[in-house]
Amino acid sequence: MSKSRIHNLFVSLDGYAAGDEVTADKPIGDAQALFADFDGRFIHGLGAVDAPVTLDRALSTTWGQGIGAEIMGRGKFGPQTGPWPDDDWRGWWGDEPPFRTPVFVLTHYPRPAIAFDNGTVFHFVDADPGEALRLAQEAADGQDVRIGGGPDTYRQFLAADLVDTMHIVTVPIVLGHGNPLWTGLGGIEQRFDIETFASPSGRTHQLWNRKPR
C-alpha cells in the first residue's frame, strides 16, 4: 500500500523549519543556516558522488527511494503569491528539477502543468490534503508519495493525520524567528514510534514511523 513520507525535514533547535518570508533570492527566507552543510547531491543515492559515506549522507538518500510523486506547497515552487504573474518562472531548479516524478503544487490559482525532460511534471491543484494525497497516490502508480513542504504544508498533512513516516533533522542552531514546524501539533508524537540517531556533524536524525492503527 502506498505510504506518505516526509524526508530531510531540517528544523532548528527552537523549532523553525524555514524563514519568515520567501523571496526570489532566498527560497527558505532567512533560514539558510539550516542547510549550510547539506549536500543535496546524495538524494538520489550514495553512488552518485565520489565521497565518503556518512550517516547524514546515507539518511539523505531515503528521499528518493520508492517515491512515485510529491506534494508541495506553493511557496516551495516559487516566491509568488496571488494570481500567477505572466512570466517564465518554472521553479527554483532550472531545467532539471530533482524530483523526476509528478509533483502536485497546492495553490488556490490552478494553471497548466509544466513538464520537464527528466520526468518532472508540476501539476497545480486547488485541493485539501486528503484530495491532494489521493491525486498523488494515483499518479505514483503504487509507489509512495513524498510530502515535500514547506512548513505550512507539513503542518496541514500532520494535522490531518496523513503522514506515515517522517525523517526529521535537527540542526544545532537557534534561528530566533521564522516559520515554525510544530505550532498546533501538540501531542502528535504519540501517534508514532520514534528512533533517534546522533551524527558526528552535530545534527540529530529522527525517524518517525506511524504506530499500527
N, C-alpha and C. Protein backbone atom coordinates (compact mmCIF):
# COMPACT_ATOMS: atom_id res chain seq x y z
N MET A 1 0.84 -1.19 0.00
CA MET A 1 0.00 0.00 0.00
C MET A 1 0.87 1.24 0.00
N SER A 2 0.50 2.22 -0.81
CA SER A 2 1.28 3.46 -0.91
C SER A 2 1.29 4.21 0.42
N LYS A 3 2.48 4.66 0.83
CA LYS A 3 2.62 5.44 2.05
C LYS A 3 2.90 6.91 1.71
N SER A 4 2.61 7.77 2.66
CA SER A 4 3.00 9.18 2.55
C SER A 4 4.19 9.41 3.47
N ARG A 5 5.23 10.06 2.94
CA ARG A 5 6.50 10.18 3.65
C ARG A 5 7.01 11.61 3.61
N ILE A 6 7.69 11.99 4.68
CA ILE A 6 8.40 13.27 4.76
C ILE A 6 9.88 12.94 4.94
N HIS A 7 10.75 13.61 4.17
CA HIS A 7 12.18 13.34 4.23
C HIS A 7 13.00 14.61 4.31
N ASN A 8 14.16 14.49 5.00
CA ASN A 8 15.12 15.60 5.06
C ASN A 8 14.44 16.89 5.51
N LEU A 9 13.63 16.80 6.55
CA LEU A 9 12.95 17.96 7.11
C LEU A 9 13.89 18.58 8.14
N PHE A 10 14.55 19.65 7.77
CA PHE A 10 15.52 20.29 8.64
C PHE A 10 14.82 21.30 9.54
N VAL A 11 15.14 21.25 10.83
CA VAL A 11 14.50 22.14 11.80
C VAL A 11 15.54 22.60 12.80
N SER A 12 15.43 23.84 13.25
CA SER A 12 16.38 24.40 14.21
C SER A 12 16.06 23.92 15.62
N LEU A 13 16.97 24.18 16.56
CA LEU A 13 16.74 23.80 17.95
C LEU A 13 15.50 24.47 18.53
N ASP A 14 15.17 25.66 18.05
CA ASP A 14 13.98 26.34 18.54
C ASP A 14 12.76 26.12 17.66
N GLY A 15 12.81 25.10 16.79
CA GLY A 15 11.60 24.61 16.14
C GLY A 15 11.20 25.27 14.84
N TYR A 16 12.11 26.01 14.19
CA TYR A 16 11.78 26.66 12.93
C TYR A 16 12.31 25.84 11.75
N ALA A 17 11.47 25.73 10.70
CA ALA A 17 11.84 24.92 9.54
C ALA A 17 12.03 25.76 8.28
N ALA A 18 11.86 27.06 8.37
CA ALA A 18 12.09 27.98 7.25
C ALA A 18 12.06 29.40 7.80
N GLY A 19 12.45 30.36 6.95
CA GLY A 19 12.40 31.75 7.36
C GLY A 19 11.01 32.33 7.25
N ASP A 20 10.89 33.59 7.66
CA ASP A 20 9.59 34.24 7.66
C ASP A 20 9.06 34.51 6.26
N GLU A 21 9.93 34.91 5.37
CA GLU A 21 9.48 35.38 4.06
C GLU A 21 10.34 34.79 2.95
N VAL A 22 9.69 34.17 1.98
CA VAL A 22 10.38 33.62 0.82
C VAL A 22 10.50 34.68 -0.26
N THR A 23 11.69 34.85 -0.82
CA THR A 23 11.90 35.76 -1.94
C THR A 23 12.63 35.02 -3.05
N ALA A 24 12.74 35.64 -4.20
CA ALA A 24 13.43 35.01 -5.33
C ALA A 24 14.88 34.69 -5.00
N ASP A 25 15.49 35.49 -4.12
CA ASP A 25 16.89 35.27 -3.75
C ASP A 25 17.04 34.37 -2.53
N LYS A 26 15.94 34.15 -1.79
CA LYS A 26 16.01 33.37 -0.56
C LYS A 26 14.86 32.36 -0.53
N PRO A 27 15.06 31.18 -1.13
CA PRO A 27 13.97 30.20 -1.23
C PRO A 27 13.42 29.74 0.11
N ILE A 28 14.21 29.81 1.19
CA ILE A 28 13.67 29.44 2.51
C ILE A 28 13.78 30.63 3.47
N GLY A 29 13.74 31.84 2.94
CA GLY A 29 13.81 33.02 3.77
C GLY A 29 15.16 33.14 4.45
N ASP A 30 15.16 33.71 5.65
CA ASP A 30 16.41 33.92 6.38
C ASP A 30 16.77 32.71 7.23
N ALA A 31 16.68 31.53 6.63
CA ALA A 31 16.97 30.30 7.37
C ALA A 31 17.97 29.43 6.62
N GLN A 32 18.81 30.07 5.80
CA GLN A 32 19.76 29.30 5.01
C GLN A 32 20.71 28.48 5.88
N ALA A 33 20.91 28.91 7.13
CA ALA A 33 21.83 28.20 8.02
C ALA A 33 21.37 26.77 8.29
N LEU A 34 20.09 26.50 8.11
CA LEU A 34 19.60 25.13 8.29
C LEU A 34 20.28 24.16 7.33
N PHE A 35 20.63 24.65 6.14
CA PHE A 35 21.17 23.80 5.08
C PHE A 35 22.63 24.12 4.77
N ALA A 36 23.31 24.76 5.71
CA ALA A 36 24.66 25.25 5.43
C ALA A 36 25.60 24.15 4.97
N ASP A 37 25.50 22.96 5.55
CA ASP A 37 26.42 21.87 5.20
C ASP A 37 25.73 20.70 4.52
N PHE A 38 24.50 20.92 4.06
CA PHE A 38 23.75 19.82 3.43
C PHE A 38 24.20 19.66 1.98
N ASP A 39 24.55 18.44 1.59
CA ASP A 39 24.99 18.15 0.23
C ASP A 39 23.87 17.41 -0.48
N GLY A 40 23.06 18.14 -1.23
CA GLY A 40 21.91 17.55 -1.90
C GLY A 40 22.24 16.61 -3.03
N ARG A 41 23.51 16.48 -3.39
CA ARG A 41 23.87 15.58 -4.48
C ARG A 41 23.59 14.12 -4.12
N PHE A 42 23.40 13.81 -2.84
CA PHE A 42 23.25 12.42 -2.41
C PHE A 42 21.80 11.97 -2.36
N ILE A 43 20.85 12.83 -2.69
CA ILE A 43 19.46 12.43 -2.53
C ILE A 43 19.06 11.28 -3.44
N HIS A 44 19.77 11.10 -4.55
CA HIS A 44 19.44 10.01 -5.46
C HIS A 44 20.37 8.80 -5.31
N GLY A 45 21.15 8.77 -4.22
CA GLY A 45 21.97 7.59 -3.97
C GLY A 45 23.43 7.93 -3.69
N LEU A 46 24.06 7.11 -2.86
CA LEU A 46 25.44 7.36 -2.48
C LEU A 46 26.40 7.19 -3.65
N GLY A 47 26.02 6.34 -4.62
CA GLY A 47 26.91 6.10 -5.74
C GLY A 47 27.00 7.25 -6.72
N ALA A 48 26.13 8.25 -6.55
CA ALA A 48 26.11 9.36 -7.50
C ALA A 48 27.30 10.29 -7.35
N VAL A 49 27.98 10.25 -6.20
CA VAL A 49 29.07 11.19 -5.92
C VAL A 49 30.23 10.41 -5.30
N ASP A 50 31.44 10.72 -5.72
CA ASP A 50 32.63 10.07 -5.18
C ASP A 50 33.02 10.80 -3.90
N ALA A 51 32.49 10.34 -2.77
CA ALA A 51 32.76 10.97 -1.49
C ALA A 51 32.50 9.94 -0.39
N PRO A 52 33.07 10.14 0.79
CA PRO A 52 32.88 9.18 1.88
C PRO A 52 31.41 9.04 2.26
N VAL A 53 31.05 7.83 2.69
CA VAL A 53 29.70 7.59 3.19
C VAL A 53 29.65 8.03 4.65
N THR A 54 28.70 8.91 4.97
CA THR A 54 28.48 9.35 6.34
C THR A 54 27.03 9.08 6.72
N LEU A 55 26.72 9.18 8.02
CA LEU A 55 25.35 8.99 8.46
C LEU A 55 24.42 10.01 7.81
N ASP A 56 24.83 11.27 7.78
CA ASP A 56 24.00 12.32 7.17
C ASP A 56 23.72 12.01 5.71
N ARG A 57 24.75 11.62 4.97
CA ARG A 57 24.58 11.34 3.55
C ARG A 57 23.73 10.10 3.32
N ALA A 58 23.96 9.06 4.12
CA ALA A 58 23.19 7.83 3.94
C ALA A 58 21.70 8.06 4.19
N LEU A 59 21.36 8.80 5.23
CA LEU A 59 19.95 9.05 5.53
C LEU A 59 19.31 9.97 4.50
N SER A 60 20.10 10.86 3.91
CA SER A 60 19.53 11.76 2.90
C SER A 60 19.10 11.00 1.66
N THR A 61 19.68 9.82 1.41
CA THR A 61 19.34 9.07 0.20
C THR A 61 17.94 8.48 0.25
N THR A 62 17.34 8.36 1.43
CA THR A 62 15.99 7.81 1.51
C THR A 62 14.97 8.74 0.85
N TRP A 63 15.35 9.96 0.58
CA TRP A 63 14.47 10.98 -0.03
C TRP A 63 13.82 10.48 -1.32
N GLY A 64 14.59 9.78 -2.14
CA GLY A 64 14.07 9.39 -3.45
C GLY A 64 13.71 7.92 -3.60
N GLN A 65 13.97 7.11 -2.58
CA GLN A 65 13.77 5.67 -2.71
C GLN A 65 12.28 5.32 -2.68
N GLY A 66 11.80 4.71 -3.74
CA GLY A 66 10.42 4.24 -3.79
C GLY A 66 9.38 5.34 -3.90
N ILE A 67 9.78 6.52 -4.31
CA ILE A 67 8.85 7.66 -4.42
C ILE A 67 8.31 7.75 -5.85
N GLY A 68 6.97 7.85 -5.96
CA GLY A 68 6.36 7.97 -7.28
C GLY A 68 5.71 9.31 -7.55
N ALA A 69 5.61 10.18 -6.53
CA ALA A 69 5.02 11.51 -6.70
C ALA A 69 5.34 12.34 -5.47
N GLU A 70 5.27 13.65 -5.63
CA GLU A 70 5.48 14.56 -4.50
C GLU A 70 4.31 15.53 -4.42
N ILE A 71 4.06 16.01 -3.19
CA ILE A 71 3.13 17.12 -2.95
C ILE A 71 3.92 18.24 -2.28
N MET A 72 3.79 19.46 -2.77
CA MET A 72 4.47 20.60 -2.16
C MET A 72 3.53 21.80 -2.10
N GLY A 73 3.82 22.70 -1.17
CA GLY A 73 3.11 23.96 -1.12
C GLY A 73 3.60 24.92 -2.18
N ARG A 74 2.80 25.92 -2.45
CA ARG A 74 3.16 26.87 -3.50
C ARG A 74 4.47 27.59 -3.19
N GLY A 75 4.71 27.89 -1.91
CA GLY A 75 5.93 28.59 -1.55
C GLY A 75 7.20 27.81 -1.83
N LYS A 76 7.12 26.48 -1.91
CA LYS A 76 8.29 25.71 -2.28
C LYS A 76 8.56 25.81 -3.77
N PHE A 77 7.52 26.00 -4.57
CA PHE A 77 7.71 26.12 -6.01
C PHE A 77 8.25 27.49 -6.40
N GLY A 78 7.83 28.53 -5.70
CA GLY A 78 8.28 29.86 -6.08
C GLY A 78 7.83 30.91 -5.08
N PRO A 79 8.32 32.15 -5.20
CA PRO A 79 8.02 33.21 -4.23
C PRO A 79 6.73 33.96 -4.51
N GLN A 80 6.06 33.67 -5.61
CA GLN A 80 4.89 34.45 -6.00
C GLN A 80 3.70 34.16 -5.07
N THR A 81 2.84 35.14 -4.92
CA THR A 81 1.57 34.97 -4.20
C THR A 81 0.45 35.55 -5.06
N GLY A 82 -0.79 35.15 -4.77
CA GLY A 82 -1.93 35.65 -5.54
C GLY A 82 -1.96 35.04 -6.93
N PRO A 83 -2.68 35.68 -7.87
CA PRO A 83 -2.72 35.17 -9.25
C PRO A 83 -1.31 35.05 -9.83
N TRP A 84 -1.12 34.04 -10.66
CA TRP A 84 0.21 33.83 -11.24
C TRP A 84 0.57 34.96 -12.17
N PRO A 85 1.77 35.53 -12.05
CA PRO A 85 2.19 36.58 -12.98
C PRO A 85 2.48 36.01 -14.36
N ASP A 86 2.47 36.86 -15.35
CA ASP A 86 2.77 36.45 -16.72
C ASP A 86 4.27 36.49 -16.92
N ASP A 87 4.94 35.48 -16.40
CA ASP A 87 6.39 35.39 -16.56
C ASP A 87 6.77 33.96 -16.91
N ASP A 88 8.06 33.68 -16.96
CA ASP A 88 8.51 32.36 -17.39
C ASP A 88 9.03 31.53 -16.21
N TRP A 89 8.56 31.84 -15.00
CA TRP A 89 9.02 31.10 -13.82
C TRP A 89 8.63 29.63 -13.92
N ARG A 90 9.63 28.74 -13.76
CA ARG A 90 9.40 27.30 -13.83
C ARG A 90 9.95 26.59 -12.60
N GLY A 91 10.04 27.33 -11.48
CA GLY A 91 10.57 26.75 -10.26
C GLY A 91 12.00 27.17 -10.00
N TRP A 92 12.49 26.81 -8.82
CA TRP A 92 13.83 27.23 -8.41
C TRP A 92 14.94 26.44 -9.08
N TRP A 93 14.64 25.34 -9.77
CA TRP A 93 15.64 24.30 -10.04
C TRP A 93 16.17 24.29 -11.47
N GLY A 94 15.85 25.28 -12.28
CA GLY A 94 16.35 25.29 -13.65
C GLY A 94 15.67 24.25 -14.51
N ASP A 95 16.40 23.72 -15.47
CA ASP A 95 15.83 22.78 -16.44
C ASP A 95 15.83 21.34 -15.97
N GLU A 96 16.40 21.04 -14.80
CA GLU A 96 16.44 19.67 -14.30
C GLU A 96 16.03 19.63 -12.83
N PRO A 97 14.76 19.82 -12.53
CA PRO A 97 14.31 19.69 -11.14
C PRO A 97 14.63 18.29 -10.62
N PRO A 98 14.95 18.16 -9.35
CA PRO A 98 15.45 16.87 -8.84
C PRO A 98 14.37 15.81 -8.67
N PHE A 99 13.10 16.14 -8.87
CA PHE A 99 12.02 15.24 -8.45
C PHE A 99 11.85 14.03 -9.36
N ARG A 100 11.85 14.23 -10.66
CA ARG A 100 11.77 13.14 -11.65
C ARG A 100 10.46 12.36 -11.56
N THR A 101 9.44 12.95 -11.02
CA THR A 101 8.13 12.33 -10.86
C THR A 101 7.07 13.42 -11.06
N PRO A 102 5.78 13.05 -11.09
CA PRO A 102 4.75 14.07 -10.97
C PRO A 102 4.86 14.78 -9.62
N VAL A 103 4.65 16.10 -9.64
CA VAL A 103 4.67 16.92 -8.42
C VAL A 103 3.38 17.73 -8.39
N PHE A 104 2.67 17.66 -7.27
CA PHE A 104 1.41 18.38 -7.13
C PHE A 104 1.63 19.60 -6.24
N VAL A 105 1.50 20.78 -6.84
CA VAL A 105 1.73 22.04 -6.14
C VAL A 105 0.38 22.57 -5.66
N LEU A 106 0.25 22.76 -4.35
CA LEU A 106 -1.01 23.22 -3.78
C LEU A 106 -1.14 24.73 -3.95
N THR A 107 -2.20 25.17 -4.60
CA THR A 107 -2.40 26.59 -4.86
C THR A 107 -3.88 26.86 -5.07
N HIS A 108 -4.31 28.05 -4.69
CA HIS A 108 -5.70 28.45 -4.97
C HIS A 108 -5.85 28.99 -6.39
N TYR A 109 -4.75 28.98 -7.14
CA TYR A 109 -4.76 29.52 -8.51
C TYR A 109 -4.20 28.46 -9.46
N PRO A 110 -5.00 27.46 -9.84
CA PRO A 110 -4.52 26.43 -10.78
C PRO A 110 -4.04 27.04 -12.09
N ARG A 111 -3.16 26.33 -12.76
CA ARG A 111 -2.60 26.76 -14.04
C ARG A 111 -2.19 25.51 -14.81
N PRO A 112 -1.89 25.63 -16.10
CA PRO A 112 -1.47 24.44 -16.85
C PRO A 112 -0.21 23.80 -16.27
N ALA A 113 -0.10 22.50 -16.46
CA ALA A 113 1.06 21.76 -15.96
C ALA A 113 2.33 22.20 -16.68
N ILE A 114 3.47 22.01 -16.02
CA ILE A 114 4.78 22.29 -16.59
C ILE A 114 5.59 21.00 -16.56
N ALA A 115 6.03 20.55 -17.72
CA ALA A 115 6.75 19.27 -17.83
C ALA A 115 8.20 19.49 -18.20
N PHE A 116 9.07 18.62 -17.68
CA PHE A 116 10.50 18.67 -17.96
C PHE A 116 10.95 17.32 -18.54
N ASP A 117 12.05 17.35 -19.26
CA ASP A 117 12.53 16.15 -19.94
C ASP A 117 12.92 15.04 -18.98
N ASN A 118 13.26 15.35 -17.72
CA ASN A 118 13.72 14.32 -16.80
C ASN A 118 12.57 13.63 -16.06
N GLY A 119 11.35 13.87 -16.48
CA GLY A 119 10.20 13.20 -15.88
C GLY A 119 9.45 14.03 -14.85
N THR A 120 10.00 15.15 -14.43
CA THR A 120 9.31 16.03 -13.50
C THR A 120 8.16 16.73 -14.22
N VAL A 121 6.97 16.65 -13.65
CA VAL A 121 5.80 17.37 -14.18
C VAL A 121 5.12 18.06 -13.00
N PHE A 122 5.07 19.38 -13.02
CA PHE A 122 4.39 20.13 -11.97
C PHE A 122 2.91 20.29 -12.33
N HIS A 123 2.05 19.79 -11.45
CA HIS A 123 0.60 19.96 -11.59
C HIS A 123 0.13 20.93 -10.50
N PHE A 124 -0.66 21.92 -10.86
CA PHE A 124 -1.08 22.96 -9.93
C PHE A 124 -2.54 22.72 -9.57
N VAL A 125 -2.78 22.39 -8.28
CA VAL A 125 -4.11 21.94 -7.89
C VAL A 125 -4.61 22.72 -6.68
N ASP A 126 -5.89 23.01 -6.69
CA ASP A 126 -6.57 23.62 -5.54
C ASP A 126 -7.27 22.48 -4.81
N ALA A 127 -6.63 21.95 -3.80
CA ALA A 127 -7.13 20.74 -3.14
C ALA A 127 -6.75 20.75 -1.67
N ASP A 128 -7.58 20.12 -0.84
CA ASP A 128 -7.22 19.94 0.56
C ASP A 128 -6.24 18.77 0.67
N PRO A 129 -5.64 18.57 1.85
CA PRO A 129 -4.63 17.50 1.94
C PRO A 129 -5.12 16.13 1.51
N GLY A 130 -6.34 15.76 1.90
CA GLY A 130 -6.84 14.43 1.54
C GLY A 130 -6.99 14.25 0.04
N GLU A 131 -7.54 15.24 -0.64
CA GLU A 131 -7.72 15.16 -2.09
C GLU A 131 -6.37 15.19 -2.80
N ALA A 132 -5.46 16.04 -2.32
CA ALA A 132 -4.14 16.10 -2.94
C ALA A 132 -3.42 14.76 -2.81
N LEU A 133 -3.54 14.12 -1.64
CA LEU A 133 -2.89 12.83 -1.46
C LEU A 133 -3.51 11.78 -2.38
N ARG A 134 -4.81 11.83 -2.55
CA ARG A 134 -5.46 10.88 -3.47
C ARG A 134 -4.94 11.05 -4.89
N LEU A 135 -4.83 12.30 -5.35
CA LEU A 135 -4.33 12.56 -6.71
C LEU A 135 -2.88 12.07 -6.85
N ALA A 136 -2.08 12.35 -5.83
CA ALA A 136 -0.67 11.96 -5.90
C ALA A 136 -0.52 10.45 -5.86
N GLN A 137 -1.32 9.76 -5.05
CA GLN A 137 -1.23 8.31 -5.00
C GLN A 137 -1.63 7.68 -6.33
N GLU A 138 -2.62 8.23 -6.99
CA GLU A 138 -2.98 7.73 -8.33
C GLU A 138 -1.81 7.91 -9.29
N ALA A 139 -1.16 9.06 -9.25
CA ALA A 139 -0.04 9.32 -10.15
C ALA A 139 1.19 8.49 -9.80
N ALA A 140 1.33 8.12 -8.52
CA ALA A 140 2.52 7.40 -8.07
C ALA A 140 2.52 5.95 -8.51
N ASP A 141 1.40 5.43 -8.96
CA ASP A 141 1.31 4.09 -9.54
C ASP A 141 1.86 3.03 -8.60
N GLY A 142 1.40 3.04 -7.35
CA GLY A 142 1.79 2.03 -6.39
C GLY A 142 2.99 2.38 -5.54
N GLN A 143 3.75 3.39 -5.93
CA GLN A 143 4.88 3.81 -5.12
C GLN A 143 4.41 4.81 -4.06
N ASP A 144 5.33 5.25 -3.22
CA ASP A 144 4.99 6.14 -2.13
C ASP A 144 4.92 7.59 -2.60
N VAL A 145 4.29 8.42 -1.76
CA VAL A 145 4.16 9.85 -2.03
C VAL A 145 4.99 10.62 -1.00
N ARG A 146 5.81 11.53 -1.48
CA ARG A 146 6.60 12.37 -0.58
C ARG A 146 5.86 13.69 -0.34
N ILE A 147 5.70 14.06 0.94
CA ILE A 147 5.18 15.36 1.30
C ILE A 147 6.39 16.28 1.39
N GLY A 148 6.50 17.21 0.46
CA GLY A 148 7.75 17.94 0.27
C GLY A 148 7.86 19.28 0.95
N GLY A 149 6.85 19.72 1.70
CA GLY A 149 6.96 21.00 2.39
C GLY A 149 6.43 22.16 1.58
N GLY A 150 6.63 23.35 2.09
CA GLY A 150 7.34 23.77 3.29
C GLY A 150 6.56 23.53 4.58
N PRO A 151 6.94 24.29 5.65
CA PRO A 151 6.38 24.04 6.96
C PRO A 151 4.85 24.07 7.01
N ASP A 152 4.22 25.01 6.31
CA ASP A 152 2.75 25.07 6.32
C ASP A 152 2.15 23.78 5.78
N THR A 153 2.75 23.25 4.72
CA THR A 153 2.25 22.01 4.13
C THR A 153 2.49 20.83 5.06
N TYR A 154 3.67 20.76 5.67
CA TYR A 154 3.92 19.70 6.64
C TYR A 154 2.85 19.73 7.73
N ARG A 155 2.58 20.91 8.29
CA ARG A 155 1.61 21.01 9.39
C ARG A 155 0.23 20.56 8.94
N GLN A 156 -0.18 20.94 7.73
CA GLN A 156 -1.50 20.55 7.25
C GLN A 156 -1.65 19.03 7.18
N PHE A 157 -0.63 18.36 6.64
CA PHE A 157 -0.73 16.91 6.48
C PHE A 157 -0.59 16.19 7.82
N LEU A 158 0.23 16.72 8.71
CA LEU A 158 0.33 16.12 10.03
C LEU A 158 -0.96 16.33 10.82
N ALA A 159 -1.53 17.51 10.75
CA ALA A 159 -2.78 17.78 11.46
C ALA A 159 -3.91 16.91 10.94
N ALA A 160 -3.90 16.61 9.63
CA ALA A 160 -4.93 15.77 9.03
C ALA A 160 -4.65 14.28 9.20
N ASP A 161 -3.56 13.94 9.91
CA ASP A 161 -3.21 12.54 10.19
C ASP A 161 -2.96 11.76 8.90
N LEU A 162 -2.21 12.38 7.98
CA LEU A 162 -1.98 11.78 6.67
C LEU A 162 -0.51 11.46 6.40
N VAL A 163 0.29 11.39 7.45
CA VAL A 163 1.72 11.10 7.29
C VAL A 163 2.03 9.74 7.92
N ASP A 164 2.69 8.86 7.16
CA ASP A 164 3.03 7.53 7.65
C ASP A 164 4.44 7.45 8.22
N THR A 165 5.41 8.09 7.56
CA THR A 165 6.78 8.09 8.05
C THR A 165 7.37 9.48 7.89
N MET A 166 8.36 9.78 8.73
CA MET A 166 8.94 11.12 8.69
C MET A 166 10.40 11.07 9.13
N HIS A 167 11.25 11.75 8.39
CA HIS A 167 12.67 11.87 8.72
C HIS A 167 12.94 13.35 9.04
N ILE A 168 13.22 13.63 10.31
CA ILE A 168 13.48 14.99 10.77
C ILE A 168 14.95 15.13 11.13
N VAL A 169 15.56 16.22 10.70
CA VAL A 169 16.96 16.51 11.01
C VAL A 169 17.01 17.77 11.87
N THR A 170 17.38 17.63 13.13
CA THR A 170 17.52 18.79 14.00
C THR A 170 18.94 19.33 13.88
N VAL A 171 19.04 20.59 13.49
CA VAL A 171 20.32 21.24 13.25
C VAL A 171 20.68 22.07 14.49
N PRO A 172 21.90 21.99 14.99
CA PRO A 172 22.26 22.67 16.24
C PRO A 172 22.46 24.17 16.07
N ILE A 173 21.41 24.85 15.67
CA ILE A 173 21.42 26.31 15.58
C ILE A 173 20.11 26.83 16.17
N VAL A 174 20.14 28.09 16.59
CA VAL A 174 18.94 28.77 17.07
C VAL A 174 18.67 29.94 16.13
N LEU A 175 17.51 29.91 15.47
CA LEU A 175 17.18 30.96 14.50
C LEU A 175 16.52 32.18 15.16
N GLY A 176 15.74 31.95 16.19
CA GLY A 176 15.10 33.05 16.89
C GLY A 176 13.80 33.52 16.29
N HIS A 177 13.59 33.25 15.02
CA HIS A 177 12.33 33.61 14.36
C HIS A 177 12.24 32.80 13.07
N GLY A 178 11.05 32.76 12.49
CA GLY A 178 10.88 32.03 11.23
C GLY A 178 9.52 31.37 11.19
N ASN A 179 9.42 30.36 10.33
CA ASN A 179 8.18 29.61 10.15
C ASN A 179 8.28 28.34 10.99
N PRO A 180 7.49 28.24 12.07
CA PRO A 180 7.63 27.11 13.00
C PRO A 180 7.03 25.84 12.44
N LEU A 181 7.58 24.71 12.88
CA LEU A 181 7.08 23.41 12.42
C LEU A 181 5.92 22.91 13.28
N TRP A 182 6.01 23.07 14.60
CA TRP A 182 5.15 22.30 15.49
C TRP A 182 3.91 23.04 15.96
N THR A 183 3.69 24.27 15.54
CA THR A 183 2.53 25.03 16.02
C THR A 183 1.22 24.29 15.74
N GLY A 184 0.42 24.11 16.78
CA GLY A 184 -0.87 23.45 16.63
C GLY A 184 -0.82 21.94 16.57
N LEU A 185 0.36 21.35 16.82
CA LEU A 185 0.51 19.90 16.67
C LEU A 185 0.86 19.23 18.00
N GLY A 186 0.47 19.82 19.10
CA GLY A 186 0.79 19.24 20.40
C GLY A 186 0.31 17.81 20.54
N GLY A 187 1.18 16.93 21.04
CA GLY A 187 0.84 15.53 21.26
C GLY A 187 0.95 14.64 20.05
N ILE A 188 1.36 15.21 18.91
CA ILE A 188 1.40 14.41 17.68
C ILE A 188 2.38 13.24 17.79
N GLU A 189 3.42 13.38 18.62
CA GLU A 189 4.42 12.33 18.74
C GLU A 189 3.82 11.02 19.26
N GLN A 190 2.67 11.08 19.89
CA GLN A 190 2.05 9.89 20.44
C GLN A 190 1.55 8.94 19.34
N ARG A 191 1.42 9.45 18.13
CA ARG A 191 0.97 8.61 17.02
C ARG A 191 2.09 7.76 16.43
N PHE A 192 3.35 8.05 16.80
CA PHE A 192 4.49 7.47 16.10
C PHE A 192 5.44 6.75 17.05
N ASP A 193 6.13 5.74 16.51
CA ASP A 193 7.33 5.20 17.13
C ASP A 193 8.51 6.01 16.60
N ILE A 194 9.38 6.47 17.48
CA ILE A 194 10.44 7.40 17.09
C ILE A 194 11.80 6.82 17.46
N GLU A 195 12.71 6.79 16.49
CA GLU A 195 14.09 6.40 16.71
C GLU A 195 14.98 7.61 16.47
N THR A 196 16.02 7.77 17.31
CA THR A 196 16.88 8.95 17.25
C THR A 196 18.33 8.53 17.07
N PHE A 197 19.03 9.25 16.17
CA PHE A 197 20.43 8.96 15.87
C PHE A 197 21.21 10.27 15.91
N ALA A 198 22.30 10.30 16.67
CA ALA A 198 23.16 11.47 16.72
C ALA A 198 24.26 11.32 15.68
N SER A 199 24.50 12.37 14.92
CA SER A 199 25.53 12.36 13.88
C SER A 199 26.77 13.10 14.37
N PRO A 200 27.97 12.67 13.95
CA PRO A 200 29.18 13.41 14.30
C PRO A 200 29.15 14.86 13.82
N SER A 201 28.31 15.17 12.85
CA SER A 201 28.20 16.54 12.35
C SER A 201 27.53 17.47 13.35
N GLY A 202 26.92 16.90 14.38
CA GLY A 202 26.16 17.70 15.33
C GLY A 202 24.67 17.66 15.09
N ARG A 203 24.26 17.14 13.94
CA ARG A 203 22.84 17.01 13.68
C ARG A 203 22.28 15.79 14.41
N THR A 204 20.97 15.84 14.68
CA THR A 204 20.25 14.70 15.24
C THR A 204 19.16 14.29 14.26
N HIS A 205 19.17 13.03 13.87
CA HIS A 205 18.17 12.50 12.95
C HIS A 205 17.11 11.74 13.75
N GLN A 206 15.86 11.97 13.40
CA GLN A 206 14.76 11.20 13.98
C GLN A 206 13.96 10.55 12.86
N LEU A 207 13.66 9.27 13.05
CA LEU A 207 12.80 8.53 12.13
C LEU A 207 11.49 8.24 12.84
N TRP A 208 10.41 8.80 12.33
CA TRP A 208 9.08 8.63 12.90
C TRP A 208 8.32 7.64 12.03
N ASN A 209 7.80 6.58 12.64
CA ASN A 209 7.00 5.60 11.93
C ASN A 209 5.66 5.46 12.65
N ARG A 210 4.60 5.60 11.88
CA ARG A 210 3.27 5.55 12.48
C ARG A 210 3.03 4.23 13.20
N LYS A 211 2.47 4.33 14.39
CA LYS A 211 2.09 3.14 15.13
C LYS A 211 0.93 2.45 14.42
N PRO A 212 0.79 1.15 14.55
CA PRO A 212 -0.34 0.46 13.94
C PRO A 212 -1.66 1.07 14.41
N ARG A 213 -2.55 1.29 13.47
CA ARG A 213 -3.85 1.89 13.82
C ARG A 213 -4.70 0.88 14.56
